[in-house]
Every structure is written in structure tokens, then in C-alpha cells.
N, C-alpha and C. Protein backbone atom coordinates (compact mmCIF):
# COMPACT_ATOMS: atom_id res chain seq x y z
N MET A 1 13.14 -3.99 -9.21
CA MET A 1 12.78 -2.41 -9.03
C MET A 1 11.35 -2.18 -9.89
N SER A 2 11.54 -2.62 -11.11
CA SER A 2 10.16 -1.79 -12.11
C SER A 2 8.95 -2.26 -11.46
N GLU A 3 8.86 -3.71 -10.93
CA GLU A 3 7.59 -4.37 -10.34
C GLU A 3 7.13 -3.37 -9.53
N ILE A 4 8.09 -3.02 -8.49
CA ILE A 4 7.40 -2.22 -7.27
C ILE A 4 7.00 -0.68 -7.84
N ASN A 5 8.00 -0.10 -8.94
CA ASN A 5 7.12 1.29 -9.52
C ASN A 5 6.20 0.95 -10.18
N ASP A 6 5.83 -0.32 -10.83
CA ASP A 6 4.60 -0.43 -11.40
C ASP A 6 3.27 -0.67 -10.57
N LEU A 7 3.65 -1.21 -9.47
CA LEU A 7 2.58 -1.47 -8.18
C LEU A 7 2.52 0.17 -7.53
N ILE A 8 3.03 0.61 -7.36
CA ILE A 8 3.04 2.09 -6.69
C ILE A 8 2.41 3.15 -7.78
N LYS A 9 2.80 3.04 -8.93
CA LYS A 9 1.70 3.63 -10.23
C LYS A 9 0.34 3.46 -10.04
N LYS A 10 0.13 2.33 -9.85
CA LYS A 10 -1.22 1.50 -9.82
C LYS A 10 -2.11 1.83 -8.57
N THR A 11 -1.09 1.87 -7.51
CA THR A 11 -1.84 2.51 -6.33
C THR A 11 -2.44 4.24 -6.51
N LYS A 12 -1.35 5.03 -6.89
CA LYS A 12 -2.12 6.11 -7.39
C LYS A 12 -3.24 6.53 -8.20
N LYS A 13 -3.31 5.46 -9.05
CA LYS A 13 -4.49 5.13 -10.15
C LYS A 13 -5.79 4.93 -9.33
N TYR A 14 -5.71 4.09 -8.45
CA TYR A 14 -6.71 3.28 -7.76
C TYR A 14 -7.21 4.37 -6.73
N ILE A 15 -6.42 4.93 -6.18
CA ILE A 15 -6.62 6.16 -5.11
C ILE A 15 -7.58 7.09 -6.10
N HIS A 16 -7.23 7.66 -7.42
CA HIS A 16 -7.50 8.39 -7.70
C HIS A 16 -9.24 8.47 -8.55
N SER A 17 -9.30 6.85 -8.85
CA SER A 17 -10.81 5.98 -9.04
C SER A 17 -11.63 6.14 -8.06
N ALA A 18 -10.84 5.67 -6.93
CA ALA A 18 -11.83 5.64 -5.81
C ALA A 18 -12.31 7.27 -5.56
N GLU A 19 -11.58 8.32 -5.72
CA GLU A 19 -12.20 9.77 -5.55
C GLU A 19 -13.08 9.82 -6.45
N VAL A 20 -13.29 9.37 -7.69
CA VAL A 20 -13.90 9.60 -8.88
C VAL A 20 -15.30 9.11 -8.41
N LEU A 21 -15.21 7.68 -7.67
CA LEU A 21 -16.18 6.99 -7.75
C LEU A 21 -17.09 7.31 -6.34
N ILE A 22 -16.21 7.92 -5.75
CA ILE A 22 -17.17 8.65 -4.37
C ILE A 22 -17.93 9.74 -4.92
N ALA A 23 -17.54 10.63 -5.77
CA ALA A 23 -17.96 11.88 -6.22
C ALA A 23 -19.61 11.36 -7.28
N GLY A 24 -19.03 9.93 -7.64
CA GLY A 24 -20.49 9.65 -8.43
C GLY A 24 -21.51 8.97 -7.29
N ASN A 25 -21.25 8.98 -6.16
CA ASN A 25 -22.02 8.13 -5.43
C ASN A 25 -21.57 6.69 -5.09
N ASP A 26 -20.81 5.87 -5.58
CA ASP A 26 -20.64 4.86 -5.96
C ASP A 26 -19.60 4.49 -4.83
N TYR A 27 -20.41 4.35 -3.63
CA TYR A 27 -19.39 4.04 -2.06
C TYR A 27 -18.68 2.85 -2.30
N ASP A 28 -19.73 1.69 -2.50
CA ASP A 28 -18.92 0.33 -2.86
C ASP A 28 -17.65 -0.02 -3.56
N SER A 29 -17.88 0.48 -4.94
CA SER A 29 -16.69 0.57 -5.88
C SER A 29 -15.65 1.29 -5.16
N SER A 30 -15.92 2.44 -4.85
CA SER A 30 -14.98 3.01 -4.15
C SER A 30 -14.05 2.67 -3.07
N THR A 31 -14.66 1.89 -2.19
CA THR A 31 -14.34 1.27 -1.19
C THR A 31 -13.02 -0.09 -1.65
N SER A 32 -13.80 -0.65 -2.78
CA SER A 32 -12.78 -1.43 -3.33
C SER A 32 -12.00 -1.27 -3.93
N ARG A 33 -11.60 0.12 -4.57
CA ARG A 33 -10.40 0.40 -5.61
C ARG A 33 -9.36 1.28 -4.30
N THR A 34 -10.13 1.79 -3.21
CA THR A 34 -9.11 2.16 -1.99
C THR A 34 -8.34 0.79 -1.30
N TYR A 35 -9.38 -0.12 -1.09
CA TYR A 35 -8.81 -1.26 -0.39
C TYR A 35 -7.36 -2.09 -1.60
N TYR A 36 -7.62 -1.89 -2.87
CA TYR A 36 -6.65 -2.54 -3.58
C TYR A 36 -5.61 -1.73 -3.76
N ALA A 37 -5.72 -0.23 -3.75
CA ALA A 37 -4.71 0.86 -3.59
C ALA A 37 -3.96 0.19 -2.46
N MET A 38 -4.34 0.09 -1.36
CA MET A 38 -3.45 -0.15 -0.27
C MET A 38 -2.89 -1.66 -0.19
N PHE A 39 -3.74 -2.60 -0.71
CA PHE A 39 -3.30 -3.83 -0.86
C PHE A 39 -1.90 -4.04 -1.88
N TYR A 40 -1.90 -3.42 -3.20
CA TYR A 40 -0.85 -2.86 -3.93
C TYR A 40 0.42 -2.46 -3.13
N SER A 41 0.02 -1.48 -2.21
CA SER A 41 1.01 -0.82 -1.70
C SER A 41 1.84 -1.82 -0.52
N ALA A 42 1.10 -2.65 0.01
CA ALA A 42 1.64 -3.71 0.73
C ALA A 42 2.19 -4.42 -0.15
N GLU A 43 1.82 -4.96 -0.99
CA GLU A 43 2.31 -6.07 -1.93
C GLU A 43 4.02 -5.42 -2.53
N ALA A 44 3.99 -3.96 -2.68
CA ALA A 44 5.43 -3.31 -3.38
C ALA A 44 6.32 -3.48 -2.01
N VAL A 45 5.93 -2.88 -0.77
CA VAL A 45 6.62 -2.96 0.23
C VAL A 45 7.57 -4.19 0.46
N LEU A 46 6.14 -5.63 0.48
CA LEU A 46 6.89 -6.67 0.82
C LEU A 46 7.62 -7.40 -0.04
N LEU A 47 7.28 -6.88 -1.69
CA LEU A 47 8.47 -7.12 -2.63
C LEU A 47 9.70 -6.72 -2.80
N LYS A 48 9.86 -5.34 -1.97
CA LYS A 48 10.80 -4.70 -1.93
C LYS A 48 12.01 -5.85 -0.78
N LYS A 49 11.43 -6.35 -0.23
CA LYS A 49 11.99 -7.27 1.21
C LYS A 49 12.02 -8.50 0.51
N GLY A 50 11.63 -8.68 -0.80
CA GLY A 50 12.06 -10.17 -1.56
C GLY A 50 10.99 -11.01 -1.26
N LEU A 51 9.94 -10.66 -0.66
CA LEU A 51 8.54 -11.37 -0.60
C LEU A 51 7.51 -11.29 -1.37
N SER A 52 6.91 -12.36 -1.68
CA SER A 52 5.67 -12.49 -2.77
C SER A 52 4.38 -13.45 -2.04
N PHE A 53 3.40 -13.22 -2.25
CA PHE A 53 2.37 -13.87 -1.74
C PHE A 53 1.20 -14.11 -2.38
N SER A 54 0.20 -15.30 -2.81
CA SER A 54 -0.39 -15.36 -3.75
C SER A 54 -2.07 -15.13 -3.46
N SER A 55 -2.12 -14.76 -2.02
CA SER A 55 -3.21 -14.75 -1.42
C SER A 55 -3.72 -13.07 -1.00
N HIS A 56 -4.80 -12.41 -0.66
CA HIS A 56 -4.95 -11.30 -0.03
C HIS A 56 -4.23 -11.80 1.37
N LYS A 57 -5.07 -12.61 2.16
CA LYS A 57 -4.79 -12.94 3.50
C LYS A 57 -3.13 -13.12 3.62
N GLY A 58 -2.58 -13.82 2.79
CA GLY A 58 -1.20 -14.01 3.03
C GLY A 58 -0.32 -12.46 2.73
N VAL A 59 -0.40 -11.53 2.02
CA VAL A 59 -0.28 -10.19 1.82
C VAL A 59 -0.42 -9.41 3.38
N ILE A 60 -1.90 -9.62 3.73
CA ILE A 60 -1.76 -8.86 4.92
C ILE A 60 -1.38 -9.40 6.08
N SER A 61 -1.31 -10.43 6.21
CA SER A 61 -0.56 -11.15 7.46
C SER A 61 0.77 -10.92 7.31
N ALA A 62 1.56 -10.92 6.07
CA ALA A 62 3.09 -10.99 6.17
C ALA A 62 3.22 -9.28 6.49
N PHE A 63 2.33 -8.52 5.83
CA PHE A 63 2.37 -7.13 5.89
C PHE A 63 2.68 -6.75 7.61
N GLY A 64 1.71 -7.42 8.47
CA GLY A 64 1.84 -7.33 9.88
C GLY A 64 2.89 -7.53 10.39
N GLU A 65 3.19 -8.96 10.08
CA GLU A 65 4.43 -9.88 10.69
C GLU A 65 5.75 -8.96 10.17
N HIS A 66 6.00 -8.34 9.15
CA HIS A 66 7.28 -7.89 8.64
C HIS A 66 7.60 -6.64 8.53
N PHE A 67 6.33 -5.70 9.01
CA PHE A 67 6.37 -4.30 9.16
C PHE A 67 5.92 -3.75 10.20
N VAL A 68 4.73 -4.18 10.64
CA VAL A 68 3.80 -3.76 11.82
C VAL A 68 4.53 -4.15 12.99
N LYS A 69 4.51 -5.52 12.75
CA LYS A 69 5.12 -6.07 14.54
C LYS A 69 6.69 -5.98 14.47
N ALA A 70 7.38 -5.38 13.44
CA ALA A 70 8.94 -5.40 13.49
C ALA A 70 9.12 -3.69 13.90
N GLY A 71 7.74 -2.85 14.17
CA GLY A 71 7.84 -1.53 14.27
C GLY A 71 8.07 -0.32 13.39
N ILE A 72 8.40 -0.83 11.99
CA ILE A 72 8.46 -0.44 11.03
C ILE A 72 7.35 0.56 10.92
N PHE A 73 6.33 0.43 10.67
CA PHE A 73 4.91 1.02 10.52
C PHE A 73 3.88 0.98 11.71
N PRO A 74 3.10 1.93 12.00
CA PRO A 74 2.43 1.98 13.01
C PRO A 74 1.45 0.90 13.04
N SER A 75 0.65 0.25 14.27
CA SER A 75 -0.02 -0.84 14.17
C SER A 75 -1.50 -0.50 13.35
N GLU A 76 -1.78 1.00 13.49
CA GLU A 76 -2.92 1.59 12.68
C GLU A 76 -3.03 1.05 11.32
N MET A 77 -1.91 1.16 10.79
CA MET A 77 -1.49 0.87 9.37
C MET A 77 -2.35 -0.73 9.13
N GLY A 78 -1.72 -1.43 10.08
CA GLY A 78 -2.08 -3.08 10.03
C GLY A 78 -3.75 -3.37 10.02
N ARG A 79 -4.18 -2.59 11.36
CA ARG A 79 -5.61 -2.30 11.54
C ARG A 79 -6.28 -2.17 10.33
N GLU A 80 -6.05 -0.91 9.81
CA GLU A 80 -6.66 -0.32 8.82
C GLU A 80 -6.74 -1.24 7.42
N LEU A 81 -5.62 -1.78 7.17
CA LEU A 81 -5.58 -2.49 5.88
C LEU A 81 -6.62 -3.87 6.02
N ASN A 82 -6.81 -4.47 7.45
CA ASN A 82 -7.65 -5.19 7.86
C ASN A 82 -8.81 -4.90 7.95
N ARG A 83 -9.47 -3.56 8.02
CA ARG A 83 -10.64 -3.27 8.02
C ARG A 83 -11.45 -2.87 6.85
N VAL A 84 -10.14 -2.30 5.77
CA VAL A 84 -10.78 -1.82 4.45
C VAL A 84 -10.70 -3.05 3.97
N PHE A 85 -10.32 -4.33 4.09
CA PHE A 85 -10.21 -5.62 3.38
C PHE A 85 -11.75 -5.92 3.72
N GLU A 86 -12.07 -5.99 4.94
CA GLU A 86 -13.27 -6.55 5.57
C GLU A 86 -14.50 -5.51 4.92
N LYS A 87 -14.29 -4.66 4.38
CA LYS A 87 -15.44 -3.75 3.85
C LYS A 87 -15.31 -3.83 2.40
N ARG A 88 -14.20 -3.98 1.54
CA ARG A 88 -14.16 -4.55 0.37
C ARG A 88 -14.84 -6.06 0.11
N GLN A 89 -14.72 -6.93 1.18
CA GLN A 89 -15.78 -8.09 1.16
C GLN A 89 -16.90 -7.76 0.77
N LEU A 90 -17.28 -7.14 1.68
CA LEU A 90 -18.71 -6.72 1.86
C LEU A 90 -19.07 -5.87 0.63
N ALA A 91 -18.42 -4.92 0.10
CA ALA A 91 -18.77 -4.31 -1.10
C ALA A 91 -18.76 -5.08 -2.18
N ASP A 92 -17.61 -5.77 -2.45
CA ASP A 92 -17.77 -6.59 -3.90
C ASP A 92 -18.52 -7.86 -3.78
N TYR A 93 -18.73 -8.45 -2.50
CA TYR A 93 -19.69 -9.70 -2.69
C TYR A 93 -21.13 -9.74 -2.02
N GLY A 94 -21.49 -8.50 -1.63
CA GLY A 94 -22.71 -8.27 -0.89
C GLY A 94 -23.89 -7.99 -2.18
N ILE A 95 -24.75 -8.26 -1.92
CA ILE A 95 -26.05 -8.26 -2.83
C ILE A 95 -26.33 -6.46 -3.09
N LYS A 96 -26.62 -6.13 -2.03
CA LYS A 96 -26.66 -4.63 -1.94
C LYS A 96 -25.83 -3.86 -1.41
N SER A 97 -26.04 -2.62 -2.05
CA SER A 97 -24.99 -1.53 -1.68
C SER A 97 -25.06 -1.56 -0.09
N VAL A 98 -23.53 -1.42 0.38
CA VAL A 98 -23.74 -1.49 1.85
C VAL A 98 -22.77 -0.56 2.53
N ILE A 99 -21.84 -0.10 2.02
CA ILE A 99 -21.07 0.95 2.02
C ILE A 99 -21.63 2.51 2.02
N THR A 100 -21.48 3.09 3.22
CA THR A 100 -22.23 4.54 3.10
C THR A 100 -21.31 5.53 2.79
N LYS A 101 -21.53 6.82 2.61
CA LYS A 101 -20.64 7.71 1.95
C LYS A 101 -19.42 7.99 3.05
N ALA A 102 -20.01 8.08 4.14
CA ALA A 102 -19.09 8.38 5.65
C ALA A 102 -18.12 7.51 5.46
N GLU A 103 -18.47 6.34 5.38
CA GLU A 103 -17.34 5.18 5.38
C GLU A 103 -16.24 5.06 4.28
N ALA A 104 -16.90 5.18 3.20
CA ALA A 104 -16.06 5.14 1.81
C ALA A 104 -15.10 6.41 2.02
N GLU A 105 -15.52 7.70 2.62
CA GLU A 105 -14.56 8.60 2.69
C GLU A 105 -13.63 8.36 3.53
N GLU A 106 -14.01 7.93 4.77
CA GLU A 106 -13.06 7.44 6.00
C GLU A 106 -11.75 6.44 5.25
N SER A 107 -12.45 5.31 4.48
CA SER A 107 -11.79 4.81 4.26
C SER A 107 -10.83 4.96 2.88
N LEU A 108 -10.89 5.94 2.43
CA LEU A 108 -10.53 6.85 1.09
C LEU A 108 -9.30 7.54 2.05
N ARG A 109 -9.59 8.20 3.15
CA ARG A 109 -8.89 9.06 3.82
C ARG A 109 -7.60 8.47 4.50
N ASN A 110 -7.92 7.27 5.07
CA ASN A 110 -7.19 6.44 5.36
C ASN A 110 -6.34 5.59 4.66
N GLY A 111 -6.59 5.27 3.31
CA GLY A 111 -6.00 4.85 2.50
C GLY A 111 -4.66 5.75 1.56
N LYS A 112 -5.29 6.96 1.50
CA LYS A 112 -4.43 7.84 1.14
C LYS A 112 -2.90 7.90 1.72
N LYS A 113 -3.21 8.03 3.04
CA LYS A 113 -2.27 7.87 4.27
C LYS A 113 -1.55 6.74 3.94
N PHE A 114 -1.99 5.48 4.19
CA PHE A 114 -1.40 4.31 4.06
C PHE A 114 -0.57 4.42 2.66
N VAL A 115 -0.95 4.55 1.57
CA VAL A 115 -0.28 4.19 0.65
C VAL A 115 0.92 5.59 0.37
N GLU A 116 0.53 6.74 0.87
CA GLU A 116 1.64 7.81 0.99
C GLU A 116 2.86 7.53 1.89
N THR A 117 2.43 6.49 3.07
CA THR A 117 3.27 6.40 4.17
C THR A 117 4.57 5.38 3.21
N ILE A 118 3.86 4.60 2.56
CA ILE A 118 4.75 3.23 2.01
C ILE A 118 5.32 3.81 0.88
N SER A 119 4.98 4.37 0.12
CA SER A 119 5.45 5.36 -0.82
C SER A 119 6.67 6.37 -0.65
N GLN A 120 6.58 6.80 0.69
CA GLN A 120 7.72 7.60 1.31
C GLN A 120 8.93 6.43 1.67
N TYR A 121 8.27 5.43 2.43
CA TYR A 121 9.16 4.18 2.72
C TYR A 121 9.95 4.05 1.96
N LEU A 122 9.59 3.66 0.68
CA LEU A 122 10.40 2.96 -0.23
C LEU A 122 11.25 3.93 -1.04
N GLN A 123 10.63 5.18 -1.28
CA GLN A 123 11.31 6.11 -1.73
C GLN A 123 12.91 6.11 -0.73
N GLU A 124 12.56 6.22 0.69
CA GLU A 124 13.65 6.51 1.42
C GLU A 124 14.52 5.15 1.33
N LYS A 125 14.28 4.01 1.43
CA LYS A 125 15.03 2.87 0.92
C LYS A 125 15.82 2.94 -0.14
N SER A 126 15.10 3.45 -1.66
CA SER A 126 15.73 3.26 -2.83
C SER A 126 16.77 4.65 -2.53
N GLN A 127 16.50 5.53 -2.16
CA GLN A 127 17.83 6.45 -1.73
C GLN A 127 19.05 5.89 -0.92
N GLU A 128 18.53 5.29 0.05
CA GLU A 128 19.64 4.34 0.94
C GLU A 128 20.40 3.36 0.16
N ASN A 129 19.62 2.61 -0.69
CA ASN A 129 20.53 1.80 -1.65
C ASN A 129 21.56 2.22 -2.33
N PHE A 130 20.70 3.59 -3.15
CA PHE A 130 21.76 4.08 -4.02
C PHE A 130 22.86 4.59 -3.14
N ASN A 131 22.78 5.29 -2.24
CA ASN A 131 23.95 5.78 -1.47
C ASN A 131 25.32 4.84 -1.05
N THR A 132 24.09 3.59 -0.67
CA THR A 132 25.08 2.45 -0.35
C THR A 132 26.09 1.98 -1.70
N LYS A 133 25.57 1.83 -2.61
CA LYS A 133 26.03 1.52 -3.95
C LYS A 133 27.07 2.67 -4.59
N LEU A 134 26.39 3.54 -4.32
CA LEU A 134 27.68 4.72 -4.76
C LEU A 134 28.95 4.92 -3.93
N ASN A 135 28.66 4.80 -2.47
CA ASN A 135 29.79 4.62 -1.56
C ASN A 135 30.56 3.45 -2.13
N ASN A 136 30.22 2.37 -2.27
CA ASN A 136 30.76 1.18 -2.64
C ASN A 136 31.74 1.09 -3.90
N LYS A 137 30.81 1.83 -4.76
CA LYS A 137 31.51 2.17 -6.05
C LYS A 137 32.98 3.05 -6.08
N ASN A 138 32.40 4.21 -4.97
CA ASN A 138 33.33 5.08 -4.87
C ASN A 138 34.70 4.49 -4.36
N ASN A 139 34.75 3.55 -3.68
CA ASN A 139 35.56 2.88 -2.58
C ASN A 139 36.30 1.86 -3.48
N ASP A 140 35.46 1.52 -4.62
CA ASP A 140 36.18 0.42 -5.86
C ASP A 140 37.19 1.26 -6.28
N PHE A 141 37.17 2.57 -6.70
CA PHE A 141 38.05 3.55 -7.43
C PHE A 141 39.07 4.27 -6.93
N GLY A 142 39.27 4.03 -5.31
CA GLY A 142 40.28 4.25 -4.27
C GLY A 142 39.51 5.75 -3.60
N PHE A 143 38.14 6.01 -3.92
CA PHE A 143 37.82 7.46 -3.05
C PHE A 143 37.80 7.12 -2.06
N ASP A 144 38.15 8.19 -1.12
CA ASP A 144 37.51 8.00 0.44
C ASP A 144 36.28 8.22 0.67
N ARG A 145 35.92 7.27 1.54
CA ARG A 145 34.39 7.39 2.06
C ARG A 145 34.13 8.58 2.72
């Protein structure tokens, strides 16, 4: 669980970095940080399911398969993760600055929603696990459920 918590902490740090970079007119770097915040959120939720992948495409694909197609998260989340991944590719590997302020702001807004939605889901799952363990433990001591 601590690895999941570490990833979530990292997502919050990267969202903050993206905000600072936009304020400094560095839209390419802001988009890159936004993408990585989303990527680490997707990694965290996959890890909660016991899944780990060695590539960006693997994480993105598995997120779509296990969480979007399964109906846990809306399809917009899968599309946005793919969209910001593509923008990040352009931003990180292009020679010229290519991301506009409007694009960076849109990515950041949507990235914040993405990160928050997954964080909330993970909190709910942790609470469910805690309640289940507590109920099982109470039952071990002869308490009524």
C-alpha cells in the first residue's frame, strides 16, 4: 500500500509543478508534468489491482481495459490519458515548443480531475478493505456483524 501512497503523493507534486510551469509560460513542460501525474495515478490504481507494467503504452492500455471498459471510470478518462500522452510526446521530443497556453491549461484542468477521481476511488477502496478486515476481525472474537 505504501507504493500506492507514494505514487499518489507524486501525482500531487507533479500537478503543483504543472501549475508553476504554466505560470512561468513553460507550456511544454507543464503538459509533461500533467501527463506524468495522470500516468502515476493510473499506475497506482492498477497496482491496487495487483497489476504492474513496464511501459507507458502498457499502463495506458491496461487502464482502459481494467477500469474504463469495466465501467469503473468513464470513457473520457481513457481518452484524456491518451490525448495528454500524445501531447507529452510532442512536448518532450519535439524540437520547438508546440503546446499552447490554452492546451496546457486544458490538459491541467483535465489532469486534475483525472488524478482526483482516481485518488477518491483509491480512498474508497481502502475504506472498504478496512471495513472488511474489521468485520472479519470482530467475527473472530465472536462479535456479531
